[in-house]
Amino acid sequence: MPRTMERLLKLALLEVADNPNVLLDSEELGKRLGVSSRQARNYIRLLRKKNYFTVIRSKGIKEVILTRKAFKILEEYYRKLQKPCHIFKSI
């Protein structure tokens, strides 16, 4: 998979970190990412194929669970955000 697509998937993952159940609704994900619902469905399909999340069905209720792989990526970005930005060092 091209590196650009990997980055787009990570951005999609960051966008749904607060509410992973958005991955059940391509229209809502499309609104959050600023893309069409068709493109959002493609992101959802690829995130699932790459094992970033799984869907649990229980008593007619669907729930999205992020995998350990997804959490590692989110933790990596969290650490990056905690580091001081080089742009602000000169201020």
N, C-alpha and C. Protein backbone atom coordinates (compact mmCIF):
# COMPACT_ATOMS: atom_id res chain seq x y z
N MET A 1 0.84 -1.17 0.00
CA MET A 1 0.00 0.00 0.00
C MET A 1 0.89 1.24 0.00
N PRO A 2 0.55 2.22 -0.83
CA PRO A 2 1.36 3.45 -0.88
C PRO A 2 1.41 4.16 0.48
N ARG A 3 2.52 4.81 0.71
CA ARG A 3 2.73 5.50 1.99
C ARG A 3 1.68 6.58 2.23
N THR A 4 1.24 7.24 1.15
CA THR A 4 0.22 8.27 1.29
C THR A 4 -1.07 7.68 1.83
N MET A 5 -1.45 6.51 1.34
CA MET A 5 -2.68 5.87 1.81
C MET A 5 -2.54 5.48 3.28
N GLU A 6 -1.37 5.02 3.68
CA GLU A 6 -1.15 4.69 5.09
C GLU A 6 -1.35 5.92 5.96
N ARG A 7 -0.86 7.05 5.50
CA ARG A 7 -1.03 8.30 6.27
C ARG A 7 -2.49 8.70 6.35
N LEU A 8 -3.21 8.54 5.24
CA LEU A 8 -4.64 8.88 5.24
C LEU A 8 -5.41 7.99 6.20
N LEU A 9 -5.05 6.72 6.25
CA LEU A 9 -5.71 5.81 7.18
C LEU A 9 -5.42 6.21 8.63
N LYS A 10 -4.20 6.64 8.89
CA LYS A 10 -3.85 7.09 10.25
C LYS A 10 -4.62 8.35 10.62
N LEU A 11 -4.80 9.26 9.65
CA LEU A 11 -5.58 10.46 9.92
C LEU A 11 -7.04 10.11 10.20
N ALA A 12 -7.57 9.15 9.44
CA ALA A 12 -8.94 8.70 9.69
C ALA A 12 -9.04 8.09 11.08
N LEU A 13 -8.05 7.33 11.46
CA LEU A 13 -8.03 6.71 12.78
C LEU A 13 -7.98 7.77 13.88
N LEU A 14 -7.17 8.80 13.67
CA LEU A 14 -7.10 9.89 14.65
C LEU A 14 -8.44 10.60 14.76
N GLU A 15 -9.14 10.73 13.66
CA GLU A 15 -10.43 11.43 13.65
C GLU A 15 -11.50 10.67 14.43
N VAL A 16 -11.41 9.36 14.46
CA VAL A 16 -12.44 8.57 15.15
C VAL A 16 -12.00 8.10 16.53
N ALA A 17 -10.85 8.52 16.99
CA ALA A 17 -10.32 8.06 18.28
C ALA A 17 -11.27 8.36 19.43
N ASP A 18 -11.96 9.50 19.39
CA ASP A 18 -12.88 9.87 20.47
C ASP A 18 -14.19 9.08 20.43
N ASN A 19 -14.57 8.60 19.23
CA ASN A 19 -15.81 7.84 19.09
C ASN A 19 -15.65 6.84 17.95
N PRO A 20 -15.08 5.68 18.22
CA PRO A 20 -14.85 4.69 17.16
C PRO A 20 -16.11 4.21 16.46
N ASN A 21 -17.28 4.36 17.10
CA ASN A 21 -18.52 3.90 16.48
C ASN A 21 -18.86 4.69 15.21
N VAL A 22 -18.18 5.79 14.98
CA VAL A 22 -18.35 6.53 13.73
C VAL A 22 -18.00 5.64 12.54
N LEU A 23 -17.17 4.64 12.76
CA LEU A 23 -16.79 3.72 11.68
C LEU A 23 -17.95 2.87 11.21
N LEU A 24 -19.07 2.91 11.90
CA LEU A 24 -20.28 2.21 11.46
C LEU A 24 -21.11 3.05 10.51
N ASP A 25 -20.79 4.33 10.38
CA ASP A 25 -21.58 5.26 9.58
C ASP A 25 -20.68 6.01 8.60
N SER A 26 -20.70 5.60 7.34
CA SER A 26 -19.81 6.21 6.35
C SER A 26 -20.15 7.67 6.08
N GLU A 27 -21.43 8.03 6.21
CA GLU A 27 -21.80 9.43 5.99
C GLU A 27 -21.20 10.33 7.06
N GLU A 28 -21.29 9.90 8.31
CA GLU A 28 -20.72 10.69 9.42
C GLU A 28 -19.20 10.77 9.31
N LEU A 29 -18.56 9.66 8.99
CA LEU A 29 -17.11 9.67 8.81
C LEU A 29 -16.73 10.59 7.66
N GLY A 30 -17.49 10.53 6.58
CA GLY A 30 -17.23 11.40 5.43
C GLY A 30 -17.30 12.88 5.81
N LYS A 31 -18.29 13.23 6.64
CA LYS A 31 -18.41 14.62 7.10
C LYS A 31 -17.20 15.02 7.94
N ARG A 32 -16.78 14.14 8.83
CA ARG A 32 -15.63 14.44 9.69
C ARG A 32 -14.35 14.62 8.90
N LEU A 33 -14.19 13.80 7.85
CA LEU A 33 -12.95 13.84 7.06
C LEU A 33 -13.02 14.80 5.89
N GLY A 34 -14.23 15.27 5.56
CA GLY A 34 -14.39 16.16 4.41
C GLY A 34 -14.27 15.42 3.09
N VAL A 35 -14.76 14.17 3.07
CA VAL A 35 -14.73 13.36 1.84
C VAL A 35 -16.13 12.82 1.59
N SER A 36 -16.31 12.22 0.43
CA SER A 36 -17.61 11.62 0.11
C SER A 36 -17.84 10.38 0.96
N SER A 37 -19.09 9.98 1.05
CA SER A 37 -19.39 8.79 1.84
C SER A 37 -18.81 7.54 1.17
N ARG A 38 -18.67 7.57 -0.14
CA ARG A 38 -18.03 6.45 -0.85
C ARG A 38 -16.56 6.33 -0.44
N GLN A 39 -15.86 7.46 -0.41
CA GLN A 39 -14.45 7.44 0.01
C GLN A 39 -14.34 7.02 1.47
N ALA A 40 -15.27 7.47 2.29
CA ALA A 40 -15.27 7.07 3.71
C ALA A 40 -15.46 5.56 3.84
N ARG A 41 -16.33 4.98 3.01
CA ARG A 41 -16.51 3.52 3.03
C ARG A 41 -15.21 2.81 2.67
N ASN A 42 -14.47 3.38 1.72
CA ASN A 42 -13.17 2.80 1.35
C ASN A 42 -12.20 2.85 2.53
N TYR A 43 -12.18 3.97 3.25
CA TYR A 43 -11.32 4.08 4.43
C TYR A 43 -11.72 3.04 5.48
N ILE A 44 -13.01 2.91 5.70
CA ILE A 44 -13.50 1.94 6.69
C ILE A 44 -13.08 0.53 6.29
N ARG A 45 -13.27 0.20 5.02
CA ARG A 45 -12.90 -1.13 4.52
C ARG A 45 -11.41 -1.39 4.72
N LEU A 46 -10.57 -0.40 4.38
CA LEU A 46 -9.13 -0.57 4.52
C LEU A 46 -8.69 -0.64 5.98
N LEU A 47 -9.29 0.18 6.83
CA LEU A 47 -8.96 0.13 8.27
C LEU A 47 -9.30 -1.24 8.84
N ARG A 48 -10.42 -1.78 8.39
CA ARG A 48 -10.82 -3.11 8.88
C ARG A 48 -9.89 -4.19 8.32
N LYS A 49 -9.55 -4.06 7.04
CA LYS A 49 -8.67 -5.04 6.40
C LYS A 49 -7.29 -5.04 7.05
N LYS A 50 -6.81 -3.86 7.48
CA LYS A 50 -5.50 -3.73 8.12
C LYS A 50 -5.57 -4.03 9.62
N ASN A 51 -6.73 -4.46 10.10
CA ASN A 51 -6.93 -4.85 11.50
C ASN A 51 -6.74 -3.70 12.49
N TYR A 52 -7.26 -2.53 12.15
CA TYR A 52 -7.23 -1.41 13.08
C TYR A 52 -8.44 -1.42 14.02
N PHE A 53 -9.50 -2.13 13.61
CA PHE A 53 -10.68 -2.22 14.47
C PHE A 53 -11.45 -3.50 14.16
N THR A 54 -12.33 -3.83 15.07
CA THR A 54 -13.23 -4.96 14.88
C THR A 54 -14.62 -4.53 15.34
N VAL A 55 -15.63 -5.19 14.81
CA VAL A 55 -17.01 -4.88 15.18
C VAL A 55 -17.54 -6.03 16.03
N ILE A 56 -18.08 -5.67 17.18
CA ILE A 56 -18.67 -6.64 18.09
C ILE A 56 -20.19 -6.50 17.98
N ARG A 57 -20.86 -7.62 17.79
CA ARG A 57 -22.33 -7.62 17.74
C ARG A 57 -22.84 -8.39 18.95
N SER A 58 -23.70 -7.74 19.71
CA SER A 58 -24.26 -8.39 20.89
C SER A 58 -25.70 -7.92 21.08
N LYS A 59 -26.61 -8.86 21.05
CA LYS A 59 -28.04 -8.56 21.26
C LYS A 59 -28.53 -7.47 20.31
N GLY A 60 -28.13 -7.56 19.06
CA GLY A 60 -28.59 -6.61 18.06
C GLY A 60 -27.89 -5.27 18.07
N ILE A 61 -26.90 -5.12 18.92
CA ILE A 61 -26.17 -3.85 19.01
C ILE A 61 -24.77 -4.05 18.44
N LYS A 62 -24.38 -3.12 17.58
CA LYS A 62 -23.02 -3.16 17.03
C LYS A 62 -22.16 -2.14 17.77
N GLU A 63 -20.94 -2.54 18.03
CA GLU A 63 -19.99 -1.65 18.70
C GLU A 63 -18.61 -1.85 18.08
N VAL A 64 -17.90 -0.75 17.86
CA VAL A 64 -16.56 -0.81 17.28
C VAL A 64 -15.54 -0.82 18.40
N ILE A 65 -14.59 -1.73 18.29
CA ILE A 65 -13.49 -1.83 19.24
C ILE A 65 -12.19 -1.63 18.47
N LEU A 66 -11.39 -0.66 18.90
CA LEU A 66 -10.08 -0.45 18.28
C LEU A 66 -9.13 -1.54 18.75
N THR A 67 -8.27 -1.98 17.87
CA THR A 67 -7.32 -3.04 18.20
C THR A 67 -6.06 -2.47 18.84
N ARG A 68 -5.23 -3.36 19.33
CA ARG A 68 -3.95 -2.95 19.93
C ARG A 68 -3.10 -2.20 18.90
N LYS A 69 -3.16 -2.64 17.65
CA LYS A 69 -2.42 -1.98 16.57
C LYS A 69 -2.85 -0.52 16.45
N ALA A 70 -4.15 -0.27 16.53
CA ALA A 70 -4.66 1.10 16.45
C ALA A 70 -4.21 1.91 17.66
N PHE A 71 -4.26 1.31 18.84
CA PHE A 71 -3.83 2.03 20.04
C PHE A 71 -2.36 2.40 19.99
N LYS A 72 -1.54 1.54 19.43
CA LYS A 72 -0.11 1.86 19.31
C LYS A 72 0.09 3.09 18.44
N ILE A 73 -0.65 3.19 17.35
CA ILE A 73 -0.54 4.35 16.47
C ILE A 73 -1.03 5.60 17.19
N LEU A 74 -2.14 5.50 17.89
CA LEU A 74 -2.66 6.65 18.62
C LEU A 74 -1.70 7.10 19.71
N GLU A 75 -1.08 6.15 20.40
CA GLU A 75 -0.08 6.50 21.42
C GLU A 75 1.12 7.18 20.80
N GLU A 76 1.54 6.73 19.63
CA GLU A 76 2.67 7.34 18.93
C GLU A 76 2.37 8.81 18.60
N TYR A 77 1.18 9.08 18.10
CA TYR A 77 0.81 10.45 17.77
C TYR A 77 0.64 11.29 19.04
N TYR A 78 0.15 10.69 20.10
CA TYR A 78 0.02 11.40 21.36
C TYR A 78 1.39 11.85 21.87
N ARG A 79 2.38 10.96 21.78
CA ARG A 79 3.75 11.33 22.19
C ARG A 79 4.29 12.45 21.30
N LYS A 80 4.02 12.38 20.01
CA LYS A 80 4.50 13.43 19.10
C LYS A 80 3.89 14.78 19.46
N LEU A 81 2.63 14.76 19.85
CA LEU A 81 1.96 16.01 20.21
C LEU A 81 2.49 16.59 21.52
N GLN A 82 3.01 15.77 22.39
CA GLN A 82 3.55 16.24 23.66
C GLN A 82 4.91 16.91 23.51
N LYS A 83 5.62 16.58 22.44
CA LYS A 83 6.95 17.17 22.23
C LYS A 83 6.80 18.62 21.80
N PRO A 84 7.71 19.49 22.25
CA PRO A 84 7.67 20.88 21.81
C PRO A 84 7.92 20.98 20.30
N CYS A 85 7.21 21.84 19.68
CA CYS A 85 7.34 22.02 18.23
C CYS A 85 8.54 22.91 17.94
N HIS A 86 9.31 22.57 16.92
CA HIS A 86 10.50 23.35 16.57
C HIS A 86 10.14 24.76 16.11
N ILE A 87 8.93 24.96 15.63
CA ILE A 87 8.50 26.29 15.17
C ILE A 87 8.44 27.26 16.35
N PHE A 88 8.01 26.77 17.50
CA PHE A 88 7.83 27.64 18.65
C PHE A 88 9.11 27.85 19.45
N LYS A 89 10.17 27.16 19.13
CA LYS A 89 11.42 27.33 19.86
C LYS A 89 12.02 28.71 19.62
N SER A 90 11.76 29.29 18.46
CA SER A 90 12.36 30.59 18.15
C SER A 90 11.56 31.75 18.72
N ILE A 91 10.40 31.48 19.26
CA ILE A 91 9.55 32.57 19.78
C ILE A 91 9.97 32.93 21.19
